Amino acid sequence: MDTVGEDELQLRGGGDTKGGTCKRMWEVFPGKNLICCGGRCITGPDPSIFVFNIVLTFGALALFYAFIAIRLHPIVIVIGFILHGISFYFLLRAAFTDPGILRRRKTPTRANENGDPPTAVVNGKTVQLSYCTTCNIYRPPKCKHCRTCDNCVEEFDHHCPWVMNCVAKRNYRYFVGFVASISLLCVYVCACSIAIVVISVTGNRQPAGVTLCAIVLILFTGCLGVTLSGFACFHCGLIAQGITTNEYIKGRAGGARETGCSQYPKNCYEVYCTELPKPDVNLMGPADEEMRDRGGSDEKMVDLEVRAGGDKDAEIS
C-alpha cells in the first residue's frame, strides 16, 4: 500500500522511472488514501477502526457458531453463513471502492469573465459552485473536500471510519447494503441466542458457559441491531428525499437529485439500480496523462464537474 503526499506529487510530476517506464497514477496519487493491488483498490488512510470492526464481527460470530448455532439446527449455521457472507461482501465493496474522487488541477480554475464564481442550475435551482483551493476546482453540487482523505468527493455523504473510506456516489449503495445486512445479522443472532436461553429455562438445561455466551450475545447484538437498524432506516429516508448526510447536517440540499414525495421511487432507483459511473481518476492509467489539466475552456471544465455531480441536465452560467 502507498500513501503519497502532494509535495511528492509536485516533485515527481508524473515523470518516467529509472527503467524508462511511465509511472502509474496510483504511484503518485496526491491524496492520503491507501492504494493497493496496483490501483485496483483504494480506501481511507487509517485502517485501525476497520480492522477492529472485522475482529469484533468475526469474534462475535465465532461465539455464535461455536456455542449457539451448533445446538439448534444445521440450517441455523447455513443461514448465519449466508448473512455473514452478504454483509462481508458489502463491507469490502464499501471499503475498497473509489467513492467518487474528483481529479485535481495543477493550475487554478478561472472564474467567469465577470469574476463571479460560476453557478449551476440543477432541477430548477441555482447553486453557486464553491472553490476548492487544494484541488483547484469548482466543486459540483453535493461535492465536499474530505479532510481525512484530502480529496474532493462527488455526492459526499460522510467519511466512515468503520468502513475505512468516504461514503459517496460510487460506494453509497454498498454502504447502505452493509448497514442493512449487518442489522439483519444482529437480529438473527440475537433471536437464536434468545432461543437458547428459553430452551435452557424451560427444561433442556444448557451448560452454564453456553447460557452465559447467549446472554452476552443478546446484549451485544440486541443493542447493535437496534442502533444499526435505525441508522439503515435513516439512510433510506435520506435516499428517498434525495439528500446526503452532509446536507442533512448543514440543513441545505445541493439539488443533484429532486426532492418531494413524487420523486422517492426515482431517487431510490438512481442510488440502487443505475450503473455506477466510471471513476474520474484512473489510478491504473499513466500518471502524466491523469495529472494533465483537462483541455478546453473553463466552461467545459465546470460542465464536466457538474455532470460528475449527478445531473446531466445541469446548466452552467
C-alpha atoms as a PDB file:
ATOM      1  CA  MET A   1       0.000   0.000   0.000  1.00  0.00           C
ATOM      2  CA  ASP A   2       1.196   3.529  -0.808  1.00  0.00           C
ATOM      3  CA  THR A   3       0.423   6.907   0.663  1.00  0.00           C
ATOM      4  CA  VAL A   4       1.872   9.782  -1.398  1.00  0.00           C
ATOM      5  CA  GLY A   5       1.755  13.438  -0.346  1.00  0.00           C
ATOM      6  CA  GLU A   6       1.016  16.402  -2.562  1.00  0.00           C
ATOM      7  CA  ASP A   7       4.567  17.728  -2.307  1.00  0.00           C
ATOM      8  CA  GLU A   8       5.948  14.466  -3.618  1.00  0.00           C
ATOM      9  CA  LEU A   9       3.459  14.646  -6.464  1.00  0.00           C
ATOM     10  CA  GLN A  10       4.903  18.015  -7.497  1.00  0.00           C
ATOM     11  CA  LEU A  11       8.447  16.618  -7.295  1.00  0.00           C
ATOM     12  CA  ARG A  12       7.698  13.524  -9.290  1.00  0.00           C
ATOM     13  CA  GLY A  13       5.483  15.274 -11.772  1.00  0.00           C
ATOM     14  CA  GLY A  14       4.394  12.004 -13.328  1.00  0.00           C
ATOM     15  CA  GLY A  15       7.835  11.548 -14.872  1.00  0.00           C
ATOM     16  CA  ASP A  16       9.477   8.359 -16.029  1.00  0.00           C
ATOM     17  CA  THR A  17      11.117   5.910 -13.696  1.00  0.00           C
ATOM     18  CA  LYS A  18      14.741   4.866 -13.935  1.00  0.00           C
ATOM     19  CA  GLY A  19      13.677   1.952 -16.088  1.00  0.00           C
ATOM     20  CA  GLY A  20      12.157   4.329 -18.597  1.00  0.00           C
ATOM     21  CA  THR A  21       8.569   3.288 -17.928  1.00  0.00           C
ATOM     22  CA  CYS A  22       5.895   5.836 -17.113  1.00  0.00           C
ATOM     23  CA  LYS A  23       4.611   5.868 -13.553  1.00  0.00           C
ATOM     24  CA  ARG A  24       1.014   4.921 -12.959  1.00  0.00           C
ATOM     25  CA  MET A  25      -1.383   7.300 -11.250  1.00  0.00           C
ATOM     26  CA  TRP A  26      -1.661   5.160  -8.111  1.00  0.00           C
ATOM     27  CA  GLU A  27       2.090   5.596  -7.545  1.00  0.00           C
ATOM     28  CA  VAL A  28       1.888   9.394  -7.399  1.00  0.00           C
ATOM     29  CA  PHE A  29      -1.682   9.884  -6.169  1.00  0.00           C
ATOM     30  CA  PRO A  30      -1.823  13.161  -4.181  1.00  0.00           C
ATOM     31  CA  GLY A  31      -4.457  12.176  -1.602  1.00  0.00           C
ATOM     32  CA  LYS A  32      -3.880  10.473   1.737  1.00  0.00           C
ATOM     33  CA  ASN A  33      -5.619   7.246   0.679  1.00  0.00           C
ATOM     34  CA  LEU A  34      -4.153   3.784   0.936  1.00  0.00           C
ATOM     35  CA  ILE A  35      -3.955   2.192  -2.531  1.00  0.00           C
ATOM     36  CA  CYS A  36      -3.344  -1.488  -3.161  1.00  0.00           C
ATOM     37  CA  CYS A  37      -3.490  -4.138  -5.899  1.00  0.00           C
ATOM     38  CA  GLY A  38      -1.843  -1.868  -8.431  1.00  0.00           C
ATOM     39  CA  GLY A  39      -4.523   0.815  -8.197  1.00  0.00           C
ATOM     40  CA  ARG A  40      -7.492  -1.543  -8.339  1.00  0.00           C
ATOM     41  CA  CYS A  41      -8.466  -0.846  -4.720  1.00  0.00           C
ATOM     42  CA  ILE A  42      -8.459   2.472  -2.863  1.00  0.00           C
ATOM     43  CA  THR A  43      -9.551   3.211   0.677  1.00  0.00           C
ATOM     44  CA  GLY A  44      -9.036   5.666   3.519  1.00  0.00           C
ATOM     45  CA  PRO A  45      -5.771   6.410   5.334  1.00  0.00           C
ATOM     46  CA  ASP A  46      -6.499   4.813   8.744  1.00  0.00           C
ATOM     47  CA  PRO A  47      -7.281   1.065   8.858  1.00  0.00           C
ATOM     48  CA  SER A  48      -7.322   0.703  12.661  1.00  0.00           C
ATOM     49  CA  ILE A  49     -11.077   1.043  13.248  1.00  0.00           C
ATOM     50  CA  PHE A  50     -11.808  -1.042  10.140  1.00  0.00           C
ATOM     51  CA  VAL A  51      -9.608  -3.867  11.469  1.00  0.00           C
ATOM     52  CA  PHE A  52     -11.315  -3.568  14.865  1.00  0.00           C
ATOM     53  CA  ASN A  53     -14.668  -3.831  13.066  1.00  0.00           C
ATOM     54  CA  ILE A  54     -13.566  -7.044  11.332  1.00  0.00           C
ATOM     55  CA  VAL A  55     -12.180  -8.598  14.537  1.00  0.00           C
ATOM     56  CA  LEU A  56     -15.302  -7.678  16.522  1.00  0.00           C
ATOM     57  CA  THR A  57     -17.660  -9.096  13.893  1.00  0.00           C
ATOM     58  CA  PHE A  58     -15.769 -12.344  13.380  1.00  0.00           C
ATOM     59  CA  GLY A  59     -15.271 -12.766  17.138  1.00  0.00           C
ATOM     60  CA  ALA A  60     -18.981 -12.425  17.903  1.00  0.00           C
ATOM     61  CA  LEU A  61     -19.912 -14.779  15.070  1.00  0.00           C
ATOM     62  CA  ALA A  62     -17.299 -17.324  16.175  1.00  0.00           C
ATOM     63  CA  LEU A  63     -19.010 -17.454  19.579  1.00  0.00           C
ATOM     64  CA  PHE A  64     -22.373 -17.756  17.866  1.00  0.00           C
ATOM     65  CA  TYR A  65     -21.348 -20.675  15.646  1.00  0.00           C
ATOM     66  CA  ALA A  66     -19.394 -22.491  18.374  1.00  0.00           C
ATOM     67  CA  PHE A  67     -21.887 -22.225  21.237  1.00  0.00           C
ATOM     68  CA  ILE A  68     -25.326 -21.261  19.883  1.00  0.00           C
ATOM     69  CA  ALA A  69     -25.967 -22.291  16.279  1.00  0.00           C
ATOM     70  CA  ILE A  70     -24.484 -25.749  16.684  1.00  0.00           C
ATOM     71  CA  ARG A  71     -27.013 -26.542  19.435  1.00  0.00           C
ATOM     72  CA  LEU A  72     -30.067 -25.555  17.415  1.00  0.00           C
ATOM     73  CA  HIS A  73     -30.154 -26.901  13.845  1.00  0.00           C
ATOM     74  CA  PRO A  74     -27.724 -27.147  10.897  1.00  0.00           C
ATOM     75  CA  ILE A  75     -29.908 -24.752   8.901  1.00  0.00           C
ATOM     76  CA  VAL A  76     -29.195 -22.089  11.536  1.00  0.00           C
ATOM     77  CA  ILE A  77     -25.487 -22.310  10.688  1.00  0.00           C
ATOM     78  CA  VAL A  78     -26.204 -22.147   6.945  1.00  0.00           C
ATOM     79  CA  ILE A  79     -28.392 -19.045   7.268  1.00  0.00           C
ATOM     80  CA  GLY A  80     -25.793 -17.437   9.516  1.00  0.00           C
ATOM     81  CA  PHE A  81     -23.034 -18.037   6.971  1.00  0.00           C
ATOM     82  CA  ILE A  82     -25.189 -16.615   4.171  1.00  0.00           C
ATOM     83  CA  LEU A  83     -25.990 -13.431   6.100  1.00  0.00           C
ATOM     84  CA  HIS A  84     -22.379 -13.098   7.192  1.00  0.00           C
ATOM     85  CA  GLY A  85     -21.157 -13.539   3.608  1.00  0.00           C
ATOM     86  CA  ILE A  86     -23.564 -10.889   2.292  1.00  0.00           C
ATOM     87  CA  SER A  87     -22.590  -8.345   4.938  1.00  0.00           C
ATOM     88  CA  PHE A  88     -18.867  -9.016   4.427  1.00  0.00           C
ATOM     89  CA  TYR A  89     -19.249  -8.566   0.662  1.00  0.00           C
ATOM     90  CA  PHE A  90     -20.934  -5.173   1.108  1.00  0.00           C
ATOM     91  CA  LEU A  91     -18.298  -4.161   3.672  1.00  0.00           C
ATOM     92  CA  LEU A  92     -15.419  -4.905   1.315  1.00  0.00           C
ATOM     93  CA  ARG A  93     -17.105  -3.155  -1.617  1.00  0.00           C
ATOM     94  CA  ALA A  94     -17.811  -0.066   0.504  1.00  0.00           C
ATOM     95  CA  ALA A  95     -14.272  -0.053   1.897  1.00  0.00           C
ATOM     96  CA  PHE A  96     -12.267  -0.569  -1.304  1.00  0.00           C
ATOM     97  CA  THR A  97     -14.359   1.143  -3.995  1.00  0.00           C
ATOM     98  CA  ASP A  98     -13.406   4.600  -5.245  1.00  0.00           C
ATOM     99  CA  PRO A  99     -16.178   6.688  -3.608  1.00  0.00           C
ATOM    100  CA  GLY A 100     -16.108   9.304  -6.372  1.00  0.00           C
ATOM    101  CA  ILE A 101     -12.804  11.167  -6.075  1.00  0.00           C
ATOM    102  CA  LEU A 102     -12.532  14.090  -8.476  1.00  0.00           C
ATOM    103  CA  ARG A 103      -9.384  14.812 -10.426  1.00  0.00           C
ATOM    104  CA  ARG A 104      -7.278  17.748  -9.270  1.00  0.00           C
ATOM    105  CA  ARG A 105      -5.907  20.543 -11.414  1.00  0.00           C
ATOM    106  CA  LYS A 106      -2.319  21.750 -11.243  1.00  0.00           C
ATOM    107  CA  THR A 107      -3.328  25.321 -12.098  1.00  0.00           C
ATOM    108  CA  PRO A 108      -6.238  27.248 -10.516  1.00  0.00           C
ATOM    109  CA  THR A 109      -9.540  27.268 -12.368  1.00  0.00           C
ATOM    110  CA  ARG A 110     -10.570  30.743 -13.507  1.00  0.00           C
ATOM    111  CA  ALA A 111     -13.925  32.205 -12.560  1.00  0.00           C
ATOM    112  CA  ASN A 112     -16.382  33.599 -15.104  1.00  0.00           C
ATOM    113  CA  GLU A 113     -15.444  36.567 -17.293  1.00  0.00           C
ATOM    114  CA  ASN A 114     -17.077  38.961 -14.840  1.00  0.00           C
ATOM    115  CA  GLY A 115     -15.037  37.479 -11.978  1.00  0.00           C
ATOM    116  CA  ASP A 116     -18.003  35.869 -10.191  1.00  0.00           C
ATOM    117  CA  PRO A 117     -17.929  32.187  -9.173  1.00  0.00           C
ATOM    118  CA  PRO A 118     -19.848  30.013 -11.642  1.00  0.00           C
ATOM    119  CA  THR A 119     -23.347  28.781 -10.802  1.00  0.00           C
ATOM    120  CA  ALA A 120     -25.223  25.672 -11.851  1.00  0.00           C
ATOM    121  CA  VAL A 121     -28.973  25.386 -12.431  1.00  0.00           C
ATOM    122  CA  VAL A 122     -29.934  21.930 -11.204  1.00  0.00           C
ATOM    123  CA  ASN A 123     -33.566  20.812 -11.140  1.00  0.00           C
ATOM    124  CA  GLY A 124     -34.634  24.441 -11.441  1.00  0.00           C
ATOM    125  CA  LYS A 125     -32.459  25.578  -8.538  1.00  0.00           C
ATOM    126  CA  THR A 126     -29.483  27.903  -8.913  1.00  0.00           C
ATOM    127  CA  VAL A 127     -26.495  26.582  -6.992  1.00  0.00           C
ATOM    128  CA  GLN A 128     -23.269  28.565  -6.648  1.00  0.00           C
ATOM    129  CA  LEU A 129     -20.232  26.350  -7.012  1.00  0.00           C
ATOM    130  CA  SER A 130     -17.680  26.623  -4.222  1.00  0.00           C
ATOM    131  CA  TYR A 131     -13.969  26.606  -4.978  1.00  0.00           C
ATOM    132  CA  CYS A 132     -11.517  24.111  -3.508  1.00  0.00           C
ATOM    133  CA  THR A 133      -8.067  25.634  -3.078  1.00  0.00           C
ATOM    134  CA  THR A 134      -6.490  22.201  -2.579  1.00  0.00           C
ATOM    135  CA  CYS A 135      -7.856  20.562  -5.725  1.00  0.00           C
ATOM    136  CA  ASN A 136      -8.051  23.830  -7.742  1.00  0.00           C
ATOM    137  CA  ILE A 137     -11.561  23.070  -8.997  1.00  0.00           C
ATOM    138  CA  TYR A 138     -15.065  24.435  -8.562  1.00  0.00           C
ATOM    139  CA  ARG A 139     -16.873  21.711  -6.690  1.00  0.00           C
ATOM    140  CA  PRO A 140     -20.100  20.407  -8.274  1.00  0.00           C
ATOM    141  CA  PRO A 141     -23.324  20.229  -6.213  1.00  0.00           C
ATOM    142  CA  LYS A 142     -23.193  17.759  -3.304  1.00  0.00           C
ATOM    143  CA  CYS A 143     -19.399  17.581  -3.556  1.00  0.00           C
ATOM    144  CA  LYS A 144     -17.174  18.124  -0.495  1.00  0.00           C
ATOM    145  CA  HIS A 145     -13.478  18.024   0.235  1.00  0.00           C
ATOM    146  CA  CYS A 146     -12.858  15.242   2.758  1.00  0.00           C
ATOM    147  CA  ARG A 147     -10.248  16.358   5.298  1.00  0.00           C
ATOM    148  CA  THR A 148      -9.454  12.776   6.249  1.00  0.00           C
ATOM    149  CA  CYS A 149      -8.666  11.573   2.724  1.00  0.00           C
ATOM    150  CA  ASP A 150      -7.718  15.022   1.341  1.00  0.00           C
ATOM    151  CA  ASN A 151      -9.813  14.689  -1.826  1.00  0.00           C
ATOM    152  CA  CYS A 152     -12.887  16.315  -3.307  1.00  0.00           C
ATOM    153  CA  VAL A 153     -15.537  13.601  -3.467  1.00  0.00           C
ATOM    154  CA  GLU A 154     -18.719  13.877  -5.544  1.00  0.00           C
ATOM    155  CA  GLU A 155     -22.067  13.407  -3.781  1.00  0.00           C
ATOM    156  CA  PHE A 156     -20.178  13.183  -0.478  1.00  0.00           C
ATOM    157  CA  ASP A 157     -22.253  11.693   2.338  1.00  0.00           C
ATOM    158  CA  HIS A 158     -19.733  11.284   5.157  1.00  0.00           C
ATOM    159  CA  HIS A 159     -16.394   9.692   5.977  1.00  0.00           C
ATOM    160  CA  CYS A 160     -16.996   6.430   7.833  1.00  0.00           C
ATOM    161  CA  PRO A 161     -14.043   5.032   9.824  1.00  0.00           C
ATOM    162  CA  TRP A 162     -15.901   1.719  10.247  1.00  0.00           C
ATOM    163  CA  VAL A 163     -15.595   1.050   6.518  1.00  0.00           C
ATOM    164  CA  MET A 164     -12.297   2.988   6.300  1.00  0.00           C
ATOM    165  CA  ASN A 165     -13.485   5.116   3.407  1.00  0.00           C
ATOM    166  CA  CYS A 166     -15.556   8.063   2.311  1.00  0.00           C
ATOM    167  CA  VAL A 167     -19.180   7.176   1.636  1.00  0.00           C
ATOM    168  CA  ALA A 168     -20.270   8.922  -1.533  1.00  0.00           C
ATOM    169  CA  LYS A 169     -21.661   8.457  -5.027  1.00  0.00           C
ATOM    170  CA  ARG A 170     -19.820   5.320  -6.130  1.00  0.00           C
ATOM    171  CA  ASN A 171     -19.977   3.258  -2.911  1.00  0.00           C
ATOM    172  CA  TYR A 172     -23.085   4.587  -1.168  1.00  0.00           C
ATOM    173  CA  ARG A 173     -25.251   1.619  -2.220  1.00  0.00           C
ATOM    174  CA  TYR A 174     -22.672  -0.779  -0.789  1.00  0.00           C
ATOM    175  CA  PHE A 175     -22.516   1.122   2.485  1.00  0.00           C
ATOM    176  CA  VAL A 176     -26.305   1.040   2.895  1.00  0.00           C
ATOM    177  CA  GLY A 177     -26.270  -2.644   1.928  1.00  0.00           C
ATOM    178  CA  PHE A 178     -23.676  -3.324   4.613  1.00  0.00           C
ATOM    179  CA  VAL A 179     -25.601  -1.465   7.309  1.00  0.00           C
ATOM    180  CA  ALA A 180     -28.866  -3.212   6.384  1.00  0.00           C
ATOM    181  CA  SER A 181     -27.321  -6.704   6.150  1.00  0.00           C
ATOM    182  CA  ILE A 182     -25.341  -6.403   9.381  1.00  0.00           C
ATOM    183  CA  SER A 183     -28.501  -5.181  11.116  1.00  0.00           C
ATOM    184  CA  LEU A 184     -30.354  -8.266   9.897  1.00  0.00           C
ATOM    185  CA  LEU A 185     -27.458 -10.462  11.015  1.00  0.00           C
ATOM    186  CA  CYS A 186     -27.543  -8.916  14.501  1.00  0.00           C
ATOM    187  CA  VAL A 187     -31.277  -9.530  14.779  1.00  0.00           C
ATOM    188  CA  TYR A 188     -30.791 -13.122  13.637  1.00  0.00           C
ATOM    189  CA  VAL A 189     -28.002 -13.847  16.146  1.00  0.00           C
ATOM    190  CA  CYS A 190     -29.986 -12.177  18.929  1.00  0.00           C
ATOM    191  CA  ALA A 191     -33.103 -14.235  18.150  1.00  0.00           C
ATOM    192  CA  CYS A 192     -31.148 -17.511  18.116  1.00  0.00           C
ATOM    193  CA  SER A 193     -29.442 -16.610  21.401  1.00  0.00           C
ATOM    194  CA  ILE A 194     -32.811 -15.860  22.990  1.00  0.00           C
ATOM    195  CA  ALA A 195     -33.997 -19.280  21.796  1.00  0.00           C
ATOM    196  CA  ILE A 196     -31.084 -20.964  23.596  1.00  0.00           C
ATOM    197  CA  VAL A 197     -31.907 -19.133  26.834  1.00  0.00           C
ATOM    198  CA  VAL A 198     -35.594 -20.067  26.542  1.00  0.00           C
ATOM    199  CA  ILE A 199     -34.683 -23.727  25.903  1.00  0.00           C
ATOM    200  CA  SER A 200     -32.380 -23.711  28.916  1.00  0.00           C
ATOM    201  CA  VAL A 201     -35.008 -22.146  31.193  1.00  0.00           C
ATOM    202  CA  THR A 202     -37.900 -24.376  30.060  1.00  0.00           C
ATOM    203  CA  GLY A 203     -36.263 -27.722  30.851  1.00  0.00           C
ATOM    204  CA  ASN A 204     -33.481 -28.704  28.459  1.00  0.00           C
ATOM    205  CA  ARG A 205     -30.834 -27.077  30.572  1.00  0.00           C
ATOM    206  CA  GLN A 206     -27.722 -25.921  28.717  1.00  0.00           C
ATOM    207  CA  PRO A 207     -24.188 -25.691  30.154  1.00  0.00           C
ATOM    208  CA  ALA A 208     -23.536 -22.524  32.115  1.00  0.00           C
ATOM    209  CA  GLY A 209     -20.929 -21.347  29.593  1.00  0.00           C
ATOM    210  CA  VAL A 210     -23.422 -21.657  26.733  1.00  0.00           C
ATOM    211  CA  THR A 211     -26.085 -19.728  28.618  1.00  0.00           C
ATOM    212  CA  LEU A 212     -23.605 -17.015  29.572  1.00  0.00           C
ATOM    213  CA  CYS A 213     -22.446 -16.750  25.952  1.00  0.00           C
ATOM    214  CA  ALA A 214     -26.072 -16.465  24.817  1.00  0.00           C
ATOM    215  CA  ILE A 215     -26.760 -13.650  27.285  1.00  0.00           C
ATOM    216  CA  VAL A 216     -23.634 -11.745  26.158  1.00  0.00           C
ATOM    217  CA  LEU A 217     -24.664 -12.105  22.503  1.00  0.00           C
ATOM    218  CA  ILE A 218     -28.217 -10.982  23.289  1.00  0.00           C
ATOM    219  CA  LEU A 219     -26.939  -7.794  24.906  1.00  0.00           C
ATOM    220  CA  PHE A 220     -24.319  -7.105  22.256  1.00  0.00           C
ATOM    221  CA  THR A 221     -26.274  -7.921  19.102  1.00  0.00           C
ATOM    222  CA  GLY A 222     -29.513  -6.518  20.539  1.00  0.00           C
ATOM    223  CA  CYS A 223     -28.052  -3.080  21.197  1.00  0.00           C
ATOM    224  CA  LEU A 224     -26.061  -3.092  17.965  1.00  0.00           C
ATOM    225  CA  GLY A 225     -29.013  -4.342  15.923  1.00  0.00           C
ATOM    226  CA  VAL A 226     -31.365  -1.635  17.205  1.00  0.00           C
ATOM    227  CA  THR A 227     -28.777   1.081  16.567  1.00  0.00           C
ATOM    228  CA  LEU A 228     -27.864  -0.105  13.070  1.00  0.00           C
ATOM    229  CA  SER A 229     -31.488  -0.717  12.100  1.00  0.00           C
ATOM    230  CA  GLY A 230     -32.299   2.879  12.962  1.00  0.00           C
ATOM    231  CA  PHE A 231     -29.217   4.012  11.051  1.00  0.00           C
ATOM    232  CA  ALA A 232     -30.284   1.999   7.995  1.00  0.00           C
ATOM    233  CA  CYS A 233     -33.792   3.496   8.109  1.00  0.00           C
ATOM    234  CA  PHE A 234     -32.258   6.962   8.435  1.00  0.00           C
ATOM    235  CA  HIS A 235     -30.215   6.478   5.272  1.00  0.00           C
ATOM    236  CA  CYS A 236     -33.154   5.006   3.381  1.00  0.00           C
ATOM    237  CA  GLY A 237     -35.061   8.167   4.294  1.00  0.00           C
ATOM    238  CA  LEU A 238     -32.218  10.349   3.044  1.00  0.00           C
ATOM    239  CA  ILE A 239     -32.103   8.424  -0.232  1.00  0.00           C
ATOM    240  CA  ALA A 240     -35.832   8.839  -0.731  1.00  0.00           C
ATOM    241  CA  GLN A 241     -35.548  12.580  -0.071  1.00  0.00           C
ATOM    242  CA  GLY A 242     -32.577  12.919  -2.409  1.00  0.00           C
ATOM    243  CA  ILE A 243     -30.175  14.407   0.153  1.00  0.00           C
ATOM    244  CA  THR A 244     -26.935  13.311   1.797  1.00  0.00           C
ATOM    245  CA  THR A 245     -25.946  13.147   5.459  1.00  0.00           C
ATOM    246  CA  ASN A 246     -23.680  16.155   4.932  1.00  0.00           C
ATOM    247  CA  GLU A 247     -26.602  18.164   3.523  1.00  0.00           C
ATOM    248  CA  TYR A 248     -28.909  16.961   6.303  1.00  0.00           C
ATOM    249  CA  ILE A 249     -26.473  18.153   8.980  1.00  0.00           C
ATOM    250  CA  LYS A 250     -25.904  21.502   7.283  1.00  0.00           C
ATOM    251  CA  GLY A 251     -29.609  21.974   6.567  1.00  0.00           C
ATOM    252  CA  ARG A 252     -29.288  22.521   2.852  1.00  0.00           C
ATOM    253  CA  ALA A 253     -29.556  20.431  -0.315  1.00  0.00           C
ATOM    254  CA  GLY A 254     -27.269  20.649  -3.329  1.00  0.00           C
ATOM    255  CA  GLY A 255     -30.051  19.700  -5.682  1.00  0.00           C
ATOM    256  CA  ALA A 256     -28.404  16.911  -7.696  1.00  0.00           C
ATOM    257  CA  ARG A 257     -31.461  14.752  -7.049  1.00  0.00           C
ATOM    258  CA  GLU A 258     -35.012  16.017  -6.858  1.00  0.00           C
ATOM    259  CA  THR A 259     -36.944  16.131  -3.596  1.00  0.00           C
ATOM    260  CA  GLY A 260     -40.614  15.556  -2.829  1.00  0.00           C
ATOM    261  CA  CYS A 261     -42.833  12.512  -2.325  1.00  0.00           C
ATOM    262  CA  SER A 262     -43.325  12.009  -6.067  1.00  0.00           C
ATOM    263  CA  GLN A 263     -39.536  11.658  -6.501  1.00  0.00           C
ATOM    264  CA  TYR A 264     -38.991   8.956  -3.846  1.00  0.00           C
ATOM    265  CA  PRO A 265     -39.079   5.960  -6.254  1.00  0.00           C
ATOM    266  CA  LYS A 266     -36.870   7.778  -8.759  1.00  0.00           C
ATOM    267  CA  ASN A 267     -34.268   8.683  -6.138  1.00  0.00           C
ATOM    268  CA  CYS A 268     -34.167   5.113  -4.803  1.00  0.00           C
ATOM    269  CA  TYR A 269     -33.797   3.769  -8.331  1.00  0.00           C
ATOM    270  CA  GLU A 270     -30.894   6.128  -9.056  1.00  0.00           C
ATOM    271  CA  VAL A 271     -28.999   5.048  -5.936  1.00  0.00           C
ATOM    272  CA  TYR A 272     -29.651   1.297  -6.042  1.00  0.00           C
ATOM    273  CA  CYS A 273     -30.246   0.334  -9.669  1.00  0.00           C
ATOM    274  CA  THR A 274     -28.378   2.632 -12.054  1.00  0.00           C
ATOM    275  CA  GLU A 275     -24.967   1.744 -13.415  1.00  0.00           C
ATOM    276  CA  LEU A 276     -22.094   3.219 -11.449  1.00  0.00           C
ATOM    277  CA  PRO A 277     -20.151   5.911 -13.337  1.00  0.00           C
ATOM    278  CA  LYS A 278     -16.517   5.303 -14.175  1.00  0.00           C
ATOM    279  CA  PRO A 279     -14.000   6.768 -11.701  1.00  0.00           C
ATOM    280  CA  ASP A 280     -12.941  10.304 -12.537  1.00  0.00           C
ATOM    281  CA  VAL A 281      -9.358   9.355 -11.652  1.00  0.00           C
ATOM    282  CA  ASN A 282      -7.949   6.325 -13.448  1.00  0.00           C
ATOM    283  CA  LEU A 283      -5.487   5.031 -10.866  1.00  0.00           C
ATOM    284  CA  MET A 284      -4.084   2.440 -13.256  1.00  0.00           C
ATOM    285  CA  GLY A 285      -3.610   4.976 -16.050  1.00  0.00           C
ATOM    286  CA  PRO A 286      -0.377   6.821 -16.911  1.00  0.00           C
ATOM    287  CA  ALA A 287       0.379   9.458 -14.292  1.00  0.00           C
ATOM    288  CA  ASP A 288       1.454  12.133 -16.774  1.00  0.00           C
ATOM    289  CA  GLU A 289      -1.855  11.837 -18.600  1.00  0.00           C
ATOM    290  CA  GLU A 290      -4.033  11.683 -15.479  1.00  0.00           C
ATOM    291  CA  MET A 291      -2.348  14.716 -13.884  1.00  0.00           C
ATOM    292  CA  ARG A 292      -2.607  16.817 -17.014  1.00  0.00           C
ATOM    293  CA  ASP A 293      -5.196  19.602 -16.685  1.00  0.00           C
ATOM    294  CA  ARG A 294      -8.246  18.943 -18.806  1.00  0.00           C
ATOM    295  CA  GLY A 295      -8.255  20.827 -22.065  1.00  0.00           C
ATOM    296  CA  GLY A 296     -10.918  23.182 -23.346  1.00  0.00           C
ATOM    297  CA  SER A 297     -12.469  26.281 -21.861  1.00  0.00           C
ATOM    298  CA  ASP A 298     -13.200  26.774 -18.193  1.00  0.00           C
ATOM    299  CA  GLU A 299     -16.888  26.490 -19.015  1.00  0.00           C
ATOM    300  CA  LYS A 300     -16.355  22.971 -20.318  1.00  0.00           C
ATOM    301  CA  MET A 301     -14.320  22.187 -17.232  1.00  0.00           C
ATOM    302  CA  VAL A 302     -17.118  23.239 -14.905  1.00  0.00           C
ATOM    303  CA  ASP A 303     -19.680  21.463 -17.084  1.00  0.00           C
ATOM    304  CA  LEU A 304     -17.750  18.240 -16.689  1.00  0.00           C
ATOM    305  CA  GLU A 305     -17.603  18.693 -12.931  1.00  0.00           C
ATOM    306  CA  VAL A 306     -21.330  19.362 -12.647  1.00  0.00           C
ATOM    307  CA  ARG A 307     -22.064  16.320 -14.763  1.00  0.00           C
ATOM    308  CA  ALA A 308     -19.968  14.337 -12.313  1.00  0.00           C
ATOM    309  CA  GLY A 309     -22.158  15.744  -9.553  1.00  0.00           C
ATOM    310  CA  GLY A 310     -25.043  13.657 -10.776  1.00  0.00           C
ATOM    311  CA  ASP A 311     -27.328  15.721 -13.030  1.00  0.00           C
ATOM    312  CA  LYS A 312     -26.965  15.572 -16.790  1.00  0.00           C
ATOM    313  CA  ASP A 313     -29.444  18.415 -17.258  1.00  0.00           C
ATOM    314  CA  ALA A 314     -27.438  20.953 -15.271  1.00  0.00           C
ATOM    315  CA  GLU A 315     -26.765  24.314 -16.902  1.00  0.00           C
ATOM    316  CA  ILE A 316     -23.735  26.492 -16.288  1.00  0.00           C
ATOM    317  CA  SER A 317     -23.675  30.254 -16.045  1.00  0.00           C
END
